[in-house]
């Protein structure tokens, strides 16, 4: 089974090649004319599907085995451990959304230039 991190890595490498830089600021500045989400649409779709799978969102929301489908891994955790587990899950979603905004949607460039696109 192929992991989704491989697809994520290839999409990030393609964005790096499109921007000709590893620097996140230069990647954002390379998107002043057009966002990479519009220029390399298939790569953005692969990235979007990969972040859905990595963050266990629908339709990839069953990370546990069939025997655990009744209550899953949540039964083993109580109060603070459960809260920390879900804090980690949602911080992963926030991190992946930030990467998507920076790599494909121009990051903060829209706020710098306003509606001058």
C-alpha atoms as a PDB file:
ATOM      1  CA  UNK A   1       0.000   0.000   0.000  1.00  0.00           C
ATOM      2  CA  UNK A   2       1.371   3.367  -1.008  1.00  0.00           C
ATOM      3  CA  UNK A   3       1.446   6.057   1.634  1.00  0.00           C
ATOM      4  CA  UNK A   4      -0.019   9.471   0.965  1.00  0.00           C
ATOM      5  CA  UNK A   5       3.153  11.195   2.112  1.00  0.00           C
ATOM      6  CA  UNK A   6       4.781  10.153  -1.163  1.00  0.00           C
ATOM      7  CA  UNK A   7       2.104  11.961  -3.171  1.00  0.00           C
ATOM      8  CA  UNK A   8       2.408  14.978  -0.873  1.00  0.00           C
ATOM      9  CA  UNK A   9       6.153  15.027  -1.365  1.00  0.00           C
ATOM     10  CA  UNK A  10       5.869  14.921  -5.156  1.00  0.00           C
ATOM     11  CA  UNK A  11       3.334  17.749  -5.188  1.00  0.00           C
ATOM     12  CA  UNK A  12       5.570  19.914  -2.999  1.00  0.00           C
ATOM     13  CA  UNK A  13       8.522  19.182  -5.297  1.00  0.00           C
ATOM     14  CA  UNK A  14       6.464  20.215  -8.332  1.00  0.00           C
ATOM     15  CA  UNK A  15       5.569  23.498  -6.628  1.00  0.00           C
ATOM     16  CA  UNK A  16       9.238  24.049  -5.817  1.00  0.00           C
ATOM     17  CA  UNK A  17      10.100  23.483  -9.488  1.00  0.00           C
ATOM     18  CA  UNK A  18       7.347  25.878 -10.554  1.00  0.00           C
ATOM     19  CA  UNK A  19       8.606  28.608  -8.212  1.00  0.00           C
ATOM     20  CA  UNK A  20      12.327  27.831  -8.688  1.00  0.00           C
ATOM     21  CA  UNK A  21      12.893  28.246  -4.951  1.00  0.00           C
ATOM     22  CA  UNK A  22      12.692  26.433  -1.627  1.00  0.00           C
ATOM     23  CA  UNK A  23      11.889  29.672   0.185  1.00  0.00           C
ATOM     24  CA  UNK A  24       8.212  29.965   1.122  1.00  0.00           C
ATOM     25  CA  UNK A  25       8.276  33.717   0.612  1.00  0.00           C
ATOM     26  CA  UNK A  26       9.608  33.255  -2.933  1.00  0.00           C
ATOM     27  CA  UNK A  27       6.950  30.602  -3.623  1.00  0.00           C
ATOM     28  CA  UNK A  28       4.266  33.069  -2.585  1.00  0.00           C
ATOM     29  CA  UNK A  29       5.797  35.886  -4.644  1.00  0.00           C
ATOM     30  CA  UNK A  30       5.927  33.582  -7.684  1.00  0.00           C
ATOM     31  CA  UNK A  31       2.122  33.466  -7.528  1.00  0.00           C
ATOM     32  CA  UNK A  32       1.542  37.190  -8.076  1.00  0.00           C
ATOM     33  CA  UNK A  33       0.337  36.699 -11.667  1.00  0.00           C
ATOM     34  CA  UNK A  34      -1.672  33.530 -11.171  1.00  0.00           C
ATOM     35  CA  UNK A  35      -2.088  31.022  -8.369  1.00  0.00           C
ATOM     36  CA  UNK A  36      -0.440  27.629  -8.753  1.00  0.00           C
ATOM     37  CA  UNK A  37      -3.829  26.023  -8.109  1.00  0.00           C
ATOM     38  CA  UNK A  38      -4.891  27.322 -11.531  1.00  0.00           C
ATOM     39  CA  UNK A  39      -1.589  26.707 -13.324  1.00  0.00           C
ATOM     40  CA  UNK A  40      -0.994  23.120 -12.200  1.00  0.00           C
ATOM     41  CA  UNK A  41      -4.540  21.910 -11.571  1.00  0.00           C
ATOM     42  CA  UNK A  42      -3.821  18.128 -11.546  1.00  0.00           C
ATOM     43  CA  UNK A  43      -1.076  18.606  -8.948  1.00  0.00           C
ATOM     44  CA  UNK A  44      -3.445  20.641  -6.780  1.00  0.00           C
ATOM     45  CA  UNK A  45      -6.102  17.910  -7.016  1.00  0.00           C
ATOM     46  CA  UNK A  46      -3.551  15.259  -6.002  1.00  0.00           C
ATOM     47  CA  UNK A  47      -2.439  17.477  -3.104  1.00  0.00           C
ATOM     48  CA  UNK A  48      -6.043  18.022  -1.991  1.00  0.00           C
ATOM     49  CA  UNK A  49      -6.855  14.296  -2.036  1.00  0.00           C
ATOM     50  CA  UNK A  50      -3.627  13.554  -0.166  1.00  0.00           C
ATOM     51  CA  UNK A  51      -4.336  16.051   2.610  1.00  0.00           C
ATOM     52  CA  UNK A  52      -7.847  14.636   2.965  1.00  0.00           C
ATOM     53  CA  UNK A  53      -6.337  11.187   3.427  1.00  0.00           C
ATOM     54  CA  UNK A  54      -3.617  12.387   5.807  1.00  0.00           C
ATOM     55  CA  UNK A  55      -6.042  14.216   8.069  1.00  0.00           C
ATOM     56  CA  UNK A  56      -8.545  11.306   8.037  1.00  0.00           C
ATOM     57  CA  UNK A  57     -11.383  13.349   6.571  1.00  0.00           C
ATOM     58  CA  UNK A  58     -14.274  11.946   4.575  1.00  0.00           C
ATOM     59  CA  UNK A  59     -14.032   9.557   2.573  1.00  0.00           C
ATOM     60  CA  UNK A  60     -10.762   8.484   4.229  1.00  0.00           C
ATOM     61  CA  UNK A  61     -12.163   8.712   7.754  1.00  0.00           C
ATOM     62  CA  UNK A  62     -11.682   5.110   8.860  1.00  0.00           C
ATOM     63  CA  UNK A  63      -8.098   4.804  10.119  1.00  0.00           C
ATOM     64  CA  UNK A  64      -8.895   1.866  12.362  1.00  0.00           C
ATOM     65  CA  UNK A  65      -9.462  -1.826  11.617  1.00  0.00           C
ATOM     66  CA  UNK A  66     -12.853  -3.418  10.996  1.00  0.00           C
ATOM     67  CA  UNK A  67     -13.058  -4.839  14.526  1.00  0.00           C
ATOM     68  CA  UNK A  68     -12.776  -1.340  15.974  1.00  0.00           C
ATOM     69  CA  UNK A  69     -15.555   0.256  13.921  1.00  0.00           C
ATOM     70  CA  UNK A  70     -18.060   0.184  16.776  1.00  0.00           C
ATOM     71  CA  UNK A  71     -16.269   2.741  18.944  1.00  0.00           C
ATOM     72  CA  UNK A  72     -12.799   2.709  17.529  1.00  0.00           C
ATOM     73  CA  UNK A  73      -9.667   3.861  19.253  1.00  0.00           C
ATOM     74  CA  UNK A  74     -11.597   6.559  21.164  1.00  0.00           C
ATOM     75  CA  UNK A  75     -12.678   4.019  23.806  1.00  0.00           C
ATOM     76  CA  UNK A  76      -9.105   3.634  25.027  1.00  0.00           C
ATOM     77  CA  UNK A  77      -8.677   7.306  25.820  1.00  0.00           C
ATOM     78  CA  UNK A  78     -10.210   9.290  28.642  1.00  0.00           C
ATOM     79  CA  UNK A  79     -10.580  13.014  29.280  1.00  0.00           C
ATOM     80  CA  UNK A  80      -7.170  14.674  28.850  1.00  0.00           C
ATOM     81  CA  UNK A  81      -5.669  11.991  26.626  1.00  0.00           C
ATOM     82  CA  UNK A  82      -8.739  12.166  24.398  1.00  0.00           C
ATOM     83  CA  UNK A  83      -8.505  15.963  24.305  1.00  0.00           C
ATOM     84  CA  UNK A  84      -4.813  15.880  23.379  1.00  0.00           C
ATOM     85  CA  UNK A  85      -5.482  13.301  20.679  1.00  0.00           C
ATOM     86  CA  UNK A  86      -8.135  15.457  19.045  1.00  0.00           C
ATOM     87  CA  UNK A  87      -6.006  18.579  19.498  1.00  0.00           C
ATOM     88  CA  UNK A  88      -3.278  16.831  17.511  1.00  0.00           C
ATOM     89  CA  UNK A  89      -5.791  15.806  14.828  1.00  0.00           C
ATOM     90  CA  UNK A  90      -7.134  19.325  14.389  1.00  0.00           C
ATOM     91  CA  UNK A  91      -3.709  20.960  14.508  1.00  0.00           C
ATOM     92  CA  UNK A  92      -2.700  18.610  11.670  1.00  0.00           C
ATOM     93  CA  UNK A  93      -5.707  19.857   9.688  1.00  0.00           C
ATOM     94  CA  UNK A  94      -4.690  23.450  10.372  1.00  0.00           C
ATOM     95  CA  UNK A  95      -1.112  22.759   9.268  1.00  0.00           C
ATOM     96  CA  UNK A  96      -2.201  21.056   6.032  1.00  0.00           C
ATOM     97  CA  UNK A  97      -4.620  23.889   5.243  1.00  0.00           C
ATOM     98  CA  UNK A  98      -1.820  26.397   5.797  1.00  0.00           C
ATOM     99  CA  UNK A  99       0.439  24.468   3.429  1.00  0.00           C
ATOM    100  CA  UNK A 100      -2.324  24.404   0.810  1.00  0.00           C
ATOM    101  CA  UNK A 101      -2.818  28.158   1.123  1.00  0.00           C
ATOM    102  CA  UNK A 102       0.897  28.899   0.875  1.00  0.00           C
ATOM    103  CA  UNK A 103       1.821  26.425  -1.860  1.00  0.00           C
ATOM    104  CA  UNK A 104      -1.186  26.753  -4.160  1.00  0.00           C
ATOM    105  CA  UNK A 105      -3.377  29.717  -3.220  1.00  0.00           C
ATOM    106  CA  UNK A 106      -0.840  32.518  -2.972  1.00  0.00           C
ATOM    107  CA  UNK A 107      -0.573  32.707   0.814  1.00  0.00           C
ATOM    108  CA  UNK A 108      -0.784  36.273   2.033  1.00  0.00           C
ATOM    109  CA  UNK A 109      -0.182  37.847  -1.403  1.00  0.00           C
ATOM    110  CA  UNK A 110      -3.888  38.692  -1.808  1.00  0.00           C
ATOM    111  CA  UNK A 111      -3.817  40.780   1.355  1.00  0.00           C
ATOM    112  CA  UNK A 112      -0.729  42.670   0.216  1.00  0.00           C
ATOM    113  CA  UNK A 113      -2.015  43.639  -3.202  1.00  0.00           C
ATOM    114  CA  UNK A 114      -5.744  43.652  -2.455  1.00  0.00           C
ATOM    115  CA  UNK A 115      -8.014  43.510  -5.490  1.00  0.00           C
ATOM    116  CA  UNK A 116      -5.324  44.493  -8.001  1.00  0.00           C
ATOM    117  CA  UNK A 117      -5.356  41.048  -9.624  1.00  0.00           C
END
